[in-house]
Structure formats: structure tokens, C-alpha cells
Amino acid sequence: MAWSAHSIASEWVIEEALEGKKRGVLLPIRLENVEIPFGFGVYQPGDFIGWDGKAEHLEFLRLAGEIQGLLARHDAESQRKADAIAAEQQRLAKEQALAAQQAREAAERQRSMDEEAQRQREAAAAAEKVRLTQEKAAADQKAREARALEQAERKKREQAAAEDTARRAAEAKAKQPQPLVDGLVLEELTPPFWKKRHFQLGAAALSVAVVVIYMQQSEVVTMPEMIDIIPEGSKPVSFTMGCKEGRDDVEGGCDSDEKPAHKVTLTKPYKLAKTEVTVAQFRAFVDATGYKTTAEEKGSCWSWADGWKEVKGNSWLKLGFEQGEDHPVACVSWDDAQAYVDWLKKETQNLYRLPTEAEWEYAARGGKEGAYPWGQSIGKDNANCSGNLCGDQFEYTSPVGSFAANPFGLKDMHGNVWEWVSDWKGDYAAEPQQDPKGPSSGVERVVRGGSWSGLGGGVRSAIRGRGDPAMRDYDIGFRPAQGQ
């Protein structure tokens, strides 16, 4: 800092001098004979008054030495700081390396723990599978024994009924008048064609009578018995569809696609078949049309055979277990069910169709406020579901109508076989709905009601299933509806 008359009057110079003082690098010199500013008196300035600019000037040499000393101290301080930074970086690098090593060791320990946990889960799963297999084998054996006993009892009943029928037929034949030489006498045939009257038909009319009798008998086989759910002229009905808390969340609870519960109002009259379509009824359709089911076309039916798989060669004609003509037809796709109701509609000129999902659930609930129309638990001998979980005697499908009807007069709405409805699968809306028909398009159709292979909770009124229209499982059938 060069003191002169001009510099001591400058605030900027004084501020620079104070900064130099603060940092310990102030080296003042006096260029003019002026009074040193207050606070800088302890710093002896070099006397440069009258300096001629020569380097050998004593004060100049002293100043140069002090400057060189400051520079040396600055270099030493810079080196010290550099060394400190390098040491800190080395310390951080060691810490990071140690942390990385610890992380690797922790990850290895966690991996070992996860592998051990996985081994334990697999062992537990294997043990559980063995237990379930053994339980299922025992349940299957018990069901087979019960089924064999039931079949034996049924055969006895059938034999007794056949003997009784034969006896009554012989008695009736003995009472019949002798036919004319060129005709036939028909007596007491089933109404409405004949009502306990005698008819004498000539040979020319015999073929007509036979055709009429065949039509009457065929109708009994092919026509489902329909039940009025909302009769003509009735007021609209409303109910809560889906999983309602405290009503439907039983036997393991509800699935997410059963929610939200929502109000549905049905305004149109409709009927629903009393039972699922039987093997005999479906056979009549096939015989009449030559129809080939999806399973027959594709050569397989989805079934459980050491895992869920397509079993080659299976169809509604061969499910892998025994069925009677009065059992529900199964391994039929949505397309097959639709073809059946289209045929019924054409043959009878009645508005047969598949029910909507809302119509199906309203009918299944039977006007009752419960998970099942009979209460809040599956109970015993109310439906056909897996093993003996429902307390039923059937290992696979059961003859339709084997259990008590619901308040609407419908049977087998719970269990036996899943039932196709008309709706595409979609999420429920929370808002109230009127005569809902589901989404206008989709990928999968809805099945309802559960089946013989499901748990008790899997046959609740709210349970929903789904499948693409060509899906054919050995536990899926259908029942038709009638109405606009």
C-alpha cells in the first residue's frame, strides 16, 4: 500500500488497506510525507520519499524480500490446502469402498436369506400340495362310494318303477277294446291331444297320429320349463346387485369384480328356465340340426387332469366323468349356448335368449337379502360344489333339480355348472342402472353361479366368472331366458 496525499483521502484505498491488514499481507510504503491513517500506525512503511526508481535502493530491496516471503507463505498454504483436500478425498474413497463392500456383503446375506425363505416356501407348498392331494383323494373316494350307493339305490328305484309301469301297462292292455280290422284304437293318451276318449283311426290316419304323438313327446324333451320371474303386467322391481358389505362378503369374501354394489331396476317381464339345459335337451337340438359344438370343432375341452389343460377328444359327449341324460350339459361355449337359444326361438316362435347378468342375479337371489337365497352360509345339501364342502353327495355334476328350489321356483342357480349370460364382461358402475345389458363390446363373456368344482364362496349369488365366447370348460353350461 503506497501512502500519499491522494491515497489517504481515498475510501477505496483505505478499504483495500483494511482487507490487506485482515489477511496479513499488508506491506505499506510512504511516497510522500503524510500522516499515516488511523489503525495502520503499527505497520512501519518503507520510506520511498524521493526514490529515484533504482533497484539497489535499500527500502526497495527490503520490500522485495517481504513480498517474496509472502509469496512463499502463500505457496506453502496452497500446498497445505491441496494436501488436506487430497487426504480428504482419499478418506472419502476409503469410506465409499468400505460402504460398497458392506453393501455387497449385505446383499449377499439378503440373497442367502431370500433363497432360504424360498426353499422353505417351496417345501411348505409341496407339503401343502401333498396334504391337499391326500384330502382330495379321501374326499373323492368318499364321494365315489356315496355316488355308487346312490346309483345302486337309483337302479333299485328305476327297476321298481319299470316293474310297476310294466304291470300297469299289462293291466291297461287287458282292459283295452280290440282294434278294428282296418284301424287302431287309442285310449286315454296324454292331454291336450286326447282326453280320456276312444278314437278309432283308419289305416290312412294312423301315420298322422304317430306324427302327432312324436311331436308331443319331442316337445317334452326339447322344451325347457320356464318360470315367470317378472310376470306380464308387473311393476318394475329393484335390488342391490353385486357385493354388498355385510350381505355377500361371506365364505372367504367378495372378489374385486363384484364391486361396487349398485341399485338395479328391471322394468321388463321375463322368464327363466327352471333348471340348466340338460344333456337330453341339448342332444335334441344337435340331432335336429347336426350342430357341432366348439369343443367338437376344436377337438378339446378344458378340464382338470393333473393341471388345468385342454383335454384332447373331450366335449359335451365325453367330459371325463359319467353323466346321465338329466344332468346339465357342460363343455359348451357361449357360442354354443347362443346357437341353442336361437334354435329354440326359431322352432317355437317364442323370444328365447340368454339372460342378462342383472336378470340372472335377481333371479338367483330369489327376492331374498342374503349371500344365498337360503341364508348367509353355504350350509349342507343346498347346492352341488367341490367335494363335500356343500354337504352334497355328488362328486361331479348332479341331475338337474336335485336340490330345493329358490323362492322363485328355480333350481341349481348355485353350483352344478357355471351358466353363460348374454353380457360382455365389464366393471360395475356405482350409479343406479335400469335394465342393464353390460358393455356394448368386449373380449370375454360372463358366467354366473359357480359349479360343482368350486368352493362354498364360489357359488354365492354375487360371484362372477368370465371367458371368451369360444371357451368350453367341463363345468360350464347355461339356462335360457324368455322375453324382450
Protein backbone atom coordinates (compact mmCIF):
# COMPACT_ATOMS: atom_id res chain seq x y z
CA MET A 1 0.00 0.00 0.00
CA ALA A 2 1.56 3.31 -1.08
CA TRP A 3 0.67 6.18 1.22
CA SER A 4 0.46 9.63 -0.36
CA ALA A 5 -1.69 12.73 0.00
CA HIS A 6 -4.03 11.35 -2.65
CA SER A 7 -4.28 7.77 -1.35
CA ILE A 8 -5.03 8.60 2.28
CA ALA A 9 -8.04 10.62 1.11
CA SER A 10 -9.48 7.71 -0.92
CA GLU A 11 -12.09 5.46 0.72
CA TRP A 12 -11.33 2.75 -1.77
CA VAL A 13 -7.66 2.76 -0.84
CA ILE A 14 -8.50 2.62 2.87
CA GLU A 15 -10.84 -0.38 2.24
CA GLU A 16 -8.10 -2.20 0.30
CA ALA A 17 -5.63 -1.50 3.10
CA LEU A 18 -8.06 -2.87 5.67
CA GLU A 19 -8.53 -6.07 3.56
CA GLY A 20 -4.74 -6.47 3.34
CA LYS A 21 -4.44 -5.96 7.06
CA LYS A 22 -7.18 -8.50 7.70
CA ARG A 23 -5.46 -11.10 5.53
CA GLY A 24 -1.99 -10.36 6.97
CA VAL A 25 -0.48 -9.33 3.64
CA LEU A 26 -0.29 -5.52 4.10
CA LEU A 27 3.13 -4.05 3.08
CA PRO A 28 2.85 -0.23 3.28
CA ILE A 29 5.32 2.27 1.78
CA ARG A 30 5.40 6.05 2.12
CA LEU A 31 5.69 8.05 -1.12
CA GLU A 32 5.03 11.44 0.45
CA ASN A 33 5.48 12.88 3.89
CA VAL A 34 1.87 12.42 5.07
CA GLU A 35 0.30 11.23 8.33
CA ILE A 36 -0.45 7.52 8.30
CA PRO A 37 -4.28 6.84 8.58
CA PHE A 38 -5.62 5.70 11.96
CA GLY A 39 -5.29 1.97 12.55
CA PHE A 40 -2.26 1.48 10.32
CA GLY A 41 0.37 3.07 12.53
CA VAL A 42 1.74 -0.26 13.74
CA TYR A 43 2.76 -1.12 10.18
CA GLN A 44 6.12 0.58 9.60
CA PRO A 45 6.02 1.82 5.99
CA GLY A 46 9.02 1.65 3.75
CA ASP A 47 10.47 5.10 3.11
CA PHE A 48 10.21 5.77 -0.64
CA ILE A 49 10.13 9.57 -0.35
CA GLY A 50 12.35 10.87 -3.10
CA TRP A 51 13.02 7.33 -4.53
CA ASP A 52 14.82 7.58 -7.83
CA GLY A 53 13.44 4.27 -9.15
CA LYS A 54 16.71 2.34 -8.83
CA ALA A 55 16.58 -1.33 -7.78
CA GLU A 56 19.50 -1.11 -5.43
CA HIS A 57 17.57 1.28 -3.19
CA LEU A 58 17.69 -0.18 0.32
CA GLU A 59 13.97 0.19 1.01
CA PHE A 60 13.17 -1.34 -2.36
CA LEU A 61 15.30 -4.37 -1.58
CA ARG A 62 13.61 -4.78 1.80
CA LEU A 63 10.17 -4.53 0.20
CA ALA A 64 11.08 -7.10 -2.42
CA GLY A 65 12.24 -9.51 0.30
CA GLU A 66 8.98 -9.12 2.22
CA ILE A 67 6.95 -9.70 -0.96
CA GLN A 68 8.98 -12.84 -1.66
CA GLY A 69 8.29 -14.05 1.87
CA LEU A 70 4.55 -13.50 1.42
CA LEU A 71 4.60 -15.46 -1.83
CA ALA A 72 6.45 -18.34 -0.16
CA ARG A 73 3.91 -18.43 2.66
CA HIS A 74 1.08 -18.37 0.09
CA ASP A 75 2.61 -21.30 -1.80
CA ALA A 76 3.07 -23.24 1.43
CA GLU A 77 -0.55 -22.54 2.44
CA SER A 78 -1.81 -23.60 -1.00
CA GLN A 79 0.20 -26.81 -0.78
CA ARG A 80 -1.17 -27.47 2.67
CA LYS A 81 -4.71 -27.00 1.46
CA ALA A 82 -4.06 -29.23 -1.56
CA ASP A 83 -2.62 -31.89 0.70
CA ALA A 84 -5.67 -31.63 3.00
CA ILE A 85 -8.05 -31.93 0.03
CA ALA A 86 -6.15 -34.96 -1.27
CA ALA A 87 -6.24 -36.56 2.18
CA GLU A 88 -9.98 -35.89 2.47
CA GLN A 89 -10.61 -37.37 -0.98
CA GLN A 90 -8.60 -40.43 -0.05
CA ARG A 91 -10.57 -40.78 3.18
CA LEU A 92 -13.88 -40.49 1.32
CA ALA A 93 -12.72 -43.03 -1.26
CA LYS A 94 -11.87 -45.48 1.50
CA GLU A 95 -15.25 -44.88 3.15
CA GLN A 96 -17.04 -45.40 -0.17
CA ALA A 97 -15.10 -48.59 -0.85
CA LEU A 98 -15.92 -49.84 2.63
CA ALA A 99 -19.60 -48.91 2.19
CA ALA A 100 -19.69 -50.70 -1.18
CA GLN A 101 -18.12 -53.79 0.34
CA GLN A 102 -20.60 -53.71 3.21
CA ALA A 103 -23.46 -53.29 0.71
CA ARG A 104 -22.24 -56.28 -1.29
CA GLU A 105 -21.98 -58.35 1.86
CA ALA A 106 -25.47 -57.25 2.96
CA ALA A 107 -26.88 -58.07 -0.49
CA GLU A 108 -25.25 -61.49 -0.36
CA ARG A 109 -26.69 -62.10 3.10
CA GLN A 110 -30.12 -60.98 1.89
CA ARG A 111 -29.85 -63.20 -1.19
CA SER A 112 -28.98 -66.16 1.01
CA MET A 113 -31.90 -65.34 3.31
CA ASP A 114 -34.26 -64.99 0.32
CA GLU A 115 -33.09 -68.30 -1.12
CA GLU A 116 -33.60 -70.00 2.22
CA ALA A 117 -37.04 -68.41 2.58
CA GLN A 118 -37.90 -69.54 -0.96
CA ARG A 119 -36.76 -73.07 -0.16
CA GLN A 120 -38.91 -73.04 2.96
CA ARG A 121 -41.93 -71.72 1.00
CA GLU A 122 -41.44 -74.37 -1.69
CA ALA A 123 -41.14 -77.07 0.94
CA ALA A 124 -44.28 -75.79 2.68
CA ALA A 125 -46.11 -75.57 -0.65
CA ALA A 126 -45.05 -79.10 -1.53
CA ALA A 127 -46.22 -80.35 1.85
CA GLU A 128 -49.49 -78.47 1.45
CA LYS A 129 -49.95 -79.92 -2.03
CA VAL A 130 -49.41 -83.42 -0.66
CA ARG A 131 -51.89 -82.72 2.13
CA LEU A 132 -54.49 -81.33 -0.26
CA THR A 133 -53.92 -84.22 -2.66
CA GLN A 134 -54.43 -86.70 0.14
CA GLU A 135 -57.53 -84.84 1.37
CA LYS A 136 -58.92 -84.67 -2.16
CA ALA A 137 -58.20 -88.36 -2.71
CA ALA A 138 -60.01 -89.20 0.51
CA ALA A 139 -62.90 -86.88 -0.39
CA ASP A 140 -63.03 -88.29 -3.91
CA GLN A 141 -63.10 -91.83 -2.56
CA LYS A 142 -65.87 -90.93 -0.16
CA ALA A 143 -67.79 -89.21 -2.95
CA ARG A 144 -67.32 -92.23 -5.24
CA GLU A 145 -68.61 -94.53 -2.54
CA ALA A 146 -71.60 -92.24 -1.93
CA ARG A 147 -72.21 -91.98 -5.67
CA ALA A 148 -72.03 -95.77 -6.06
CA LEU A 149 -74.52 -96.16 -3.23
CA GLU A 150 -76.79 -93.54 -4.80
CA GLN A 151 -76.54 -95.24 -8.18
CA ALA A 152 -77.40 -98.57 -6.64
CA GLU A 153 -80.39 -97.05 -4.87
CA ARG A 154 -81.41 -95.31 -8.07
CA LYS A 155 -81.22 -98.56 -10.02
CA LYS A 156 -83.44 -100.20 -7.42
CA ARG A 157 -85.94 -97.36 -7.72
CA GLU A 158 -85.78 -97.45 -11.52
CA GLN A 159 -86.25 -101.22 -11.56
CA ALA A 160 -89.19 -100.95 -9.20
CA ALA A 161 -90.67 -98.16 -11.32
CA ALA A 162 -90.14 -100.20 -14.51
CA GLU A 163 -91.83 -103.22 -12.96
CA ASP A 164 -94.72 -101.07 -11.80
CA THR A 165 -95.03 -99.48 -15.26
CA ALA A 166 -94.98 -102.89 -16.94
CA ARG A 167 -97.63 -104.18 -14.53
CA ARG A 168 -99.90 -101.22 -15.16
CA ALA A 169 -99.34 -101.44 -18.92
CA ALA A 170 -100.34 -105.12 -18.86
CA GLU A 171 -103.45 -104.28 -16.84
CA ALA A 172 -104.35 -101.46 -19.23
CA LYS A 173 -103.81 -103.65 -22.27
CA ALA A 174 -106.11 -106.30 -20.86
CA LYS A 175 -108.84 -103.68 -20.49
CA GLN A 176 -108.45 -102.15 -24.00
CA PRO A 177 -111.09 -102.96 -26.66
CA GLN A 178 -109.92 -104.88 -29.72
CA PRO A 179 -108.97 -102.67 -32.70
CA LEU A 180 -110.96 -102.71 -35.92
CA VAL A 181 -109.65 -104.75 -38.80
CA ASP A 182 -108.57 -101.61 -40.73
CA GLY A 183 -107.90 -99.24 -37.86
CA LEU A 184 -106.40 -98.55 -34.43
CA VAL A 185 -107.96 -97.70 -31.10
CA LEU A 186 -106.19 -95.00 -28.98
CA GLU A 187 -107.38 -94.62 -25.43
CA GLU A 188 -106.54 -92.11 -22.68
CA LEU A 189 -103.47 -90.54 -24.31
CA THR A 190 -101.85 -87.55 -22.64
CA PRO A 191 -103.82 -84.24 -22.94
CA PRO A 192 -104.23 -81.97 -24.79
CA PHE A 193 -104.43 -84.33 -27.79
CA TRP A 194 -106.82 -86.86 -26.29
CA LYS A 195 -108.73 -86.55 -23.05
CA LYS A 196 -109.89 -89.98 -21.85
CA ARG A 197 -111.83 -90.70 -25.03
CA HIS A 198 -111.87 -93.57 -27.51
CA PHE A 199 -110.76 -92.90 -31.07
CA GLN A 200 -110.89 -95.28 -34.00
CA LEU A 201 -108.41 -94.29 -36.70
CA GLY A 202 -108.42 -95.82 -40.12
CA ALA A 203 -105.20 -97.01 -41.70
CA ALA A 204 -104.89 -93.74 -43.64
CA ALA A 205 -104.96 -91.68 -40.42
CA LEU A 206 -102.51 -93.87 -38.50
CA SER A 207 -99.39 -92.07 -39.76
CA VAL A 208 -100.85 -88.69 -38.74
CA ALA A 209 -101.46 -89.96 -35.22
CA VAL A 210 -97.93 -91.26 -34.95
CA VAL A 211 -96.51 -87.88 -36.07
CA VAL A 212 -98.66 -86.01 -33.55
CA ILE A 213 -97.60 -88.35 -30.74
CA TYR A 214 -93.93 -87.91 -31.71
CA MET A 215 -94.27 -84.13 -31.73
CA GLN A 216 -95.87 -84.20 -28.30
CA GLN A 217 -93.16 -86.43 -26.82
CA SER A 218 -90.37 -84.47 -28.56
CA GLU A 219 -91.63 -81.22 -27.10
CA VAL A 220 -91.33 -82.62 -23.60
CA VAL A 221 -87.66 -83.38 -24.22
CA THR A 222 -86.57 -80.24 -26.02
CA MET A 223 -88.60 -77.50 -24.36
CA PRO A 224 -87.22 -76.15 -21.06
CA GLU A 225 -89.76 -75.49 -18.34
CA MET A 226 -89.92 -71.70 -17.97
CA ILE A 227 -90.66 -69.82 -14.73
CA ASP A 228 -92.12 -66.31 -14.61
CA ILE A 229 -89.61 -64.11 -12.77
CA ILE A 230 -91.31 -60.81 -13.64
CA PRO A 231 -94.77 -61.69 -14.94
CA GLU A 232 -96.53 -59.67 -17.62
CA GLY A 233 -98.17 -56.56 -16.19
CA SER A 234 -95.93 -56.46 -13.11
CA LYS A 235 -94.44 -53.29 -11.70
CA PRO A 236 -90.67 -52.70 -12.06
CA VAL A 237 -88.52 -54.40 -9.44
CA SER A 238 -85.29 -53.12 -7.86
CA PHE A 239 -82.49 -54.86 -5.98
CA THR A 240 -78.88 -54.27 -4.96
CA MET A 241 -76.58 -56.04 -7.42
CA GLY A 242 -73.02 -57.03 -6.60
CA CYS A 243 -71.14 -57.40 -3.33
CA LYS A 244 -72.90 -55.57 -0.52
CA GLU A 245 -70.94 -55.33 2.73
CA GLY A 246 -72.46 -57.49 5.43
CA ARG A 247 -74.57 -59.41 2.93
CA ASP A 248 -72.29 -61.01 0.35
CA ASP A 249 -68.80 -60.93 1.95
CA VAL A 250 -69.05 -64.43 3.46
CA GLU A 251 -67.31 -67.78 2.86
CA GLY A 252 -63.98 -66.08 2.08
CA GLY A 253 -65.29 -62.68 1.00
CA CYS A 254 -66.01 -61.00 -2.32
CA ASP A 255 -63.86 -60.62 -5.43
CA SER A 256 -62.98 -57.14 -6.69
CA ASP A 257 -65.11 -57.50 -9.83
CA GLU A 258 -68.23 -57.91 -7.66
CA LYS A 259 -67.91 -54.28 -6.54
CA PRO A 260 -69.28 -51.69 -6.23
CA ALA A 261 -72.71 -52.78 -5.09
CA HIS A 262 -75.27 -50.76 -7.03
CA LYS A 263 -79.02 -50.42 -7.43
CA VAL A 264 -80.57 -52.12 -10.48
CA THR A 265 -84.15 -51.72 -11.65
CA LEU A 266 -85.72 -54.27 -14.03
CA THR A 267 -88.78 -52.99 -15.87
CA LYS A 268 -89.47 -55.72 -18.45
CA PRO A 269 -91.22 -59.06 -17.89
CA TYR A 270 -89.11 -62.18 -18.42
CA LYS A 271 -88.94 -65.88 -17.71
CA LEU A 272 -86.03 -68.12 -16.83
CA ALA A 273 -85.65 -71.86 -17.29
CA LYS A 274 -86.37 -73.79 -14.11
CA THR A 275 -83.13 -75.78 -14.50
CA GLU A 276 -79.99 -75.73 -16.53
CA VAL A 277 -80.26 -77.17 -20.04
CA THR A 278 -79.87 -80.93 -19.77
CA VAL A 279 -77.84 -83.34 -21.86
CA ALA A 280 -81.10 -84.70 -23.30
CA GLN A 281 -82.38 -81.26 -24.25
CA PHE A 282 -79.09 -80.32 -25.89
CA ARG A 283 -78.95 -83.68 -27.67
CA ALA A 284 -82.37 -83.00 -29.21
CA PHE A 285 -81.03 -79.71 -30.61
CA VAL A 286 -77.94 -81.43 -32.03
CA ASP A 287 -79.98 -84.26 -33.52
CA ALA A 288 -82.36 -81.81 -35.14
CA THR A 289 -79.71 -79.52 -36.63
CA GLY A 290 -76.49 -81.54 -36.95
CA TYR A 291 -74.78 -78.80 -34.92
CA LYS A 292 -71.12 -79.23 -33.96
CA THR A 293 -70.03 -77.59 -30.69
CA THR A 294 -66.90 -75.52 -30.30
CA ALA A 295 -65.26 -78.37 -28.37
CA GLU A 296 -66.04 -80.80 -31.20
CA GLU A 297 -64.72 -78.38 -33.81
CA LYS A 298 -61.52 -77.67 -31.88
CA GLY A 299 -61.13 -81.23 -30.61
CA SER A 300 -60.71 -80.42 -26.91
CA CYS A 301 -62.36 -79.34 -23.68
CA TRP A 302 -60.69 -77.52 -20.77
CA SER A 303 -60.57 -79.82 -17.74
CA TRP A 304 -58.53 -80.59 -14.65
CA ALA A 305 -56.22 -83.50 -15.44
CA ASP A 306 -53.01 -83.19 -13.40
CA GLY A 307 -53.36 -79.48 -14.03
CA TRP A 308 -55.80 -77.20 -15.88
CA LYS A 309 -55.42 -78.04 -19.57
CA GLU A 310 -57.16 -78.72 -22.84
CA VAL A 311 -58.01 -82.41 -22.82
CA LYS A 312 -57.96 -83.70 -26.38
CA GLY A 313 -61.03 -85.57 -27.55
CA ASN A 314 -63.32 -84.31 -24.77
CA SER A 315 -66.57 -82.49 -25.47
CA TRP A 316 -70.14 -82.36 -24.14
CA LEU A 317 -70.35 -86.02 -25.18
CA LYS A 318 -67.28 -87.01 -23.14
CA LEU A 319 -66.36 -84.97 -20.07
CA GLY A 320 -64.08 -87.42 -18.31
CA PHE A 321 -66.81 -88.42 -15.86
CA GLU A 322 -70.19 -90.10 -16.15
CA GLN A 323 -73.30 -88.09 -16.91
CA GLY A 324 -76.94 -89.06 -17.30
CA GLU A 325 -79.42 -87.52 -19.74
CA ASP A 326 -80.87 -85.48 -16.85
CA HIS A 327 -77.51 -83.89 -15.96
CA PRO A 328 -76.70 -80.36 -17.12
CA VAL A 329 -74.92 -80.21 -20.45
CA ALA A 330 -71.33 -78.93 -20.00
CA CYS A 331 -68.27 -78.10 -22.06
CA VAL A 332 -70.42 -75.78 -24.16
CA SER A 333 -69.16 -72.37 -25.22
CA TRP A 334 -71.09 -69.09 -25.23
CA ASP A 335 -71.39 -69.55 -29.00
CA ASP A 336 -72.94 -73.00 -28.43
CA ALA A 337 -75.43 -71.62 -25.88
CA GLN A 338 -76.38 -68.83 -28.26
CA ALA A 339 -76.92 -71.32 -31.09
CA TYR A 340 -79.22 -73.36 -28.84
CA VAL A 341 -81.45 -70.41 -27.86
CA ASP A 342 -81.54 -69.20 -31.48
CA TRP A 343 -82.81 -72.67 -32.47
CA LEU A 344 -85.44 -72.65 -29.73
CA LYS A 345 -86.57 -69.20 -30.84
CA LYS A 346 -86.90 -70.34 -34.45
CA GLU A 347 -88.64 -73.62 -33.65
CA THR A 348 -91.17 -72.21 -31.18
CA GLN A 349 -91.57 -68.61 -32.39
CA ASN A 350 -91.02 -67.55 -28.77
CA LEU A 351 -88.43 -64.98 -27.71
CA TYR A 352 -85.82 -67.29 -26.25
CA ARG A 353 -82.42 -65.78 -25.44
CA LEU A 354 -79.67 -65.85 -22.81
CA PRO A 355 -80.47 -63.84 -19.67
CA THR A 356 -78.65 -60.62 -18.89
CA GLU A 357 -76.32 -60.69 -15.93
CA ALA A 358 -78.69 -58.47 -13.93
CA GLU A 359 -81.68 -60.72 -14.73
CA TRP A 360 -79.68 -63.76 -13.69
CA GLU A 361 -78.60 -62.29 -10.33
CA TYR A 362 -82.07 -61.00 -9.47
CA ALA A 363 -83.49 -64.46 -10.18
CA ALA A 364 -80.71 -66.22 -8.24
CA ARG A 365 -81.33 -64.13 -5.12
CA GLY A 366 -84.99 -65.16 -5.17
CA GLY A 367 -86.09 -61.86 -3.69
CA LYS A 368 -84.02 -62.51 -0.56
CA GLU A 369 -81.41 -60.25 1.05
CA GLY A 370 -78.58 -62.72 1.63
CA ALA A 371 -75.45 -64.21 0.14
CA TYR A 372 -77.62 -67.20 -0.79
CA PRO A 373 -81.41 -67.32 -1.01
CA TRP A 374 -81.39 -69.72 1.98
CA GLY A 375 -79.09 -67.63 4.25
CA GLN A 376 -75.57 -66.41 4.91
CA SER A 377 -73.63 -69.69 4.77
CA ILE A 378 -73.42 -72.47 2.21
CA GLY A 379 -74.88 -74.92 4.69
CA LYS A 380 -75.46 -78.56 3.81
CA ASP A 381 -77.28 -80.11 0.88
CA ASN A 382 -78.29 -76.77 -0.64
CA ALA A 383 -76.07 -76.89 -3.73
CA ASN A 384 -73.52 -79.02 -5.58
CA CYS A 385 -69.97 -77.74 -5.09
CA SER A 386 -66.47 -79.21 -4.67
CA GLY A 387 -66.10 -82.43 -2.71
CA ASN A 388 -68.25 -82.40 0.41
CA LEU A 389 -67.82 -78.67 1.09
CA CYS A 390 -71.51 -78.11 0.42
CA GLY A 391 -72.60 -81.30 2.12
CA ASP A 392 -73.88 -82.75 -1.14
CA GLN A 393 -73.43 -86.33 -2.34
CA PHE A 394 -72.16 -85.61 -5.83
CA GLU A 395 -68.56 -85.79 -7.00
CA TYR A 396 -69.19 -84.12 -10.35
CA THR A 397 -72.41 -82.81 -11.93
CA SER A 398 -75.74 -83.80 -10.39
CA PRO A 399 -79.09 -84.38 -12.07
CA VAL A 400 -80.82 -81.04 -12.52
CA GLY A 401 -83.30 -80.26 -9.80
CA SER A 402 -81.53 -82.35 -7.15
CA PHE A 403 -81.84 -79.56 -4.58
CA ALA A 404 -84.68 -77.44 -3.27
CA ALA A 405 -85.98 -74.62 -5.46
CA ASN A 406 -85.41 -70.97 -4.51
CA PRO A 407 -88.40 -68.69 -3.74
CA PHE A 408 -88.93 -68.08 -7.46
CA GLY A 409 -89.10 -71.83 -8.15
CA LEU A 410 -85.68 -72.01 -9.83
CA LYS A 411 -83.25 -74.86 -9.19
CA ASP A 412 -79.44 -75.19 -9.39
CA MET A 413 -78.82 -71.44 -9.60
CA HIS A 414 -75.91 -72.10 -7.23
CA GLY A 415 -73.30 -74.67 -8.21
CA ASN A 416 -73.60 -77.71 -10.51
CA VAL A 417 -72.36 -75.83 -13.61
CA TRP A 418 -71.49 -72.20 -14.35
CA GLU A 419 -74.08 -70.55 -16.56
CA TRP A 420 -73.41 -68.30 -19.56
CA VAL A 421 -75.27 -64.97 -19.65
CA SER A 422 -75.52 -62.52 -22.54
CA ASP A 423 -73.27 -59.73 -21.16
CA TRP A 424 -69.73 -58.89 -22.14
CA LYS A 425 -67.51 -58.73 -19.04
CA GLY A 426 -67.07 -55.23 -17.67
CA ASP A 427 -66.70 -53.29 -14.42
CA TYR A 428 -69.81 -52.40 -12.45
CA ALA A 429 -70.95 -48.77 -12.34
CA ALA A 430 -71.63 -47.20 -8.95
CA GLU A 431 -74.66 -45.30 -10.28
CA PRO A 432 -78.16 -46.86 -10.34
CA GLN A 433 -78.90 -48.82 -13.53
CA GLN A 434 -82.12 -49.67 -15.37
CA ASP A 435 -82.33 -52.90 -17.41
CA PRO A 436 -78.52 -53.06 -17.83
CA LYS A 437 -77.13 -55.24 -20.60
CA GLY A 438 -73.41 -54.81 -19.89
CA PRO A 439 -70.79 -53.26 -22.22
CA SER A 440 -71.61 -52.96 -25.92
CA SER A 441 -68.47 -54.91 -26.81
CA GLY A 442 -65.65 -56.79 -25.15
CA VAL A 443 -63.30 -59.75 -25.16
CA GLU A 444 -64.90 -62.07 -22.60
CA ARG A 445 -68.48 -63.04 -21.75
CA VAL A 446 -69.79 -63.52 -18.20
CA VAL A 447 -70.63 -66.79 -16.45
CA ARG A 448 -72.55 -66.88 -13.17
CA GLY A 449 -73.45 -69.24 -10.34
CA GLY A 450 -70.31 -71.29 -9.75
CA SER A 451 -70.05 -75.03 -10.27
CA TRP A 452 -69.50 -78.47 -8.79
CA SER A 453 -65.74 -77.80 -8.79
CA GLY A 454 -65.94 -74.55 -6.75
CA LEU A 455 -65.74 -73.75 -3.04
CA GLY A 456 -68.73 -72.64 -1.00
CA GLY A 457 -67.86 -68.99 -1.52
CA GLY A 458 -67.59 -69.69 -5.23
CA VAL A 459 -71.32 -70.32 -5.61
CA ARG A 460 -72.62 -67.13 -3.91
CA SER A 461 -75.30 -65.08 -5.68
CA ALA A 462 -72.77 -62.28 -6.37
CA ILE A 463 -69.94 -64.46 -7.77
CA ARG A 464 -68.83 -63.62 -11.33
CA GLY A 465 -66.74 -65.58 -13.81
CA ARG A 466 -65.66 -64.87 -17.38
CA GLY A 467 -64.38 -66.46 -20.56
CA ASP A 468 -64.03 -65.74 -24.24
CA PRO A 469 -67.05 -66.81 -26.31
CA ALA A 470 -65.22 -69.93 -27.53
CA MET A 471 -64.19 -71.08 -24.04
CA ARG A 472 -65.51 -74.54 -23.19
CA ASP A 473 -64.90 -75.97 -19.72
CA TYR A 474 -66.19 -79.18 -18.24
CA ASP A 475 -68.06 -77.20 -15.58
CA ILE A 476 -69.81 -74.57 -17.75
CA GLY A 477 -73.37 -74.85 -19.07
CA PHE A 478 -76.32 -72.44 -19.39
CA ARG A 479 -80.05 -71.91 -18.99
CA PRO A 480 -82.24 -69.88 -21.39
CA ALA A 481 -84.43 -66.87 -20.68
CA GLN A 482 -87.55 -65.72 -22.47
CA GLY A 483 -88.71 -62.15 -23.04
CA GLN A 484 -87.99 -58.94 -24.91
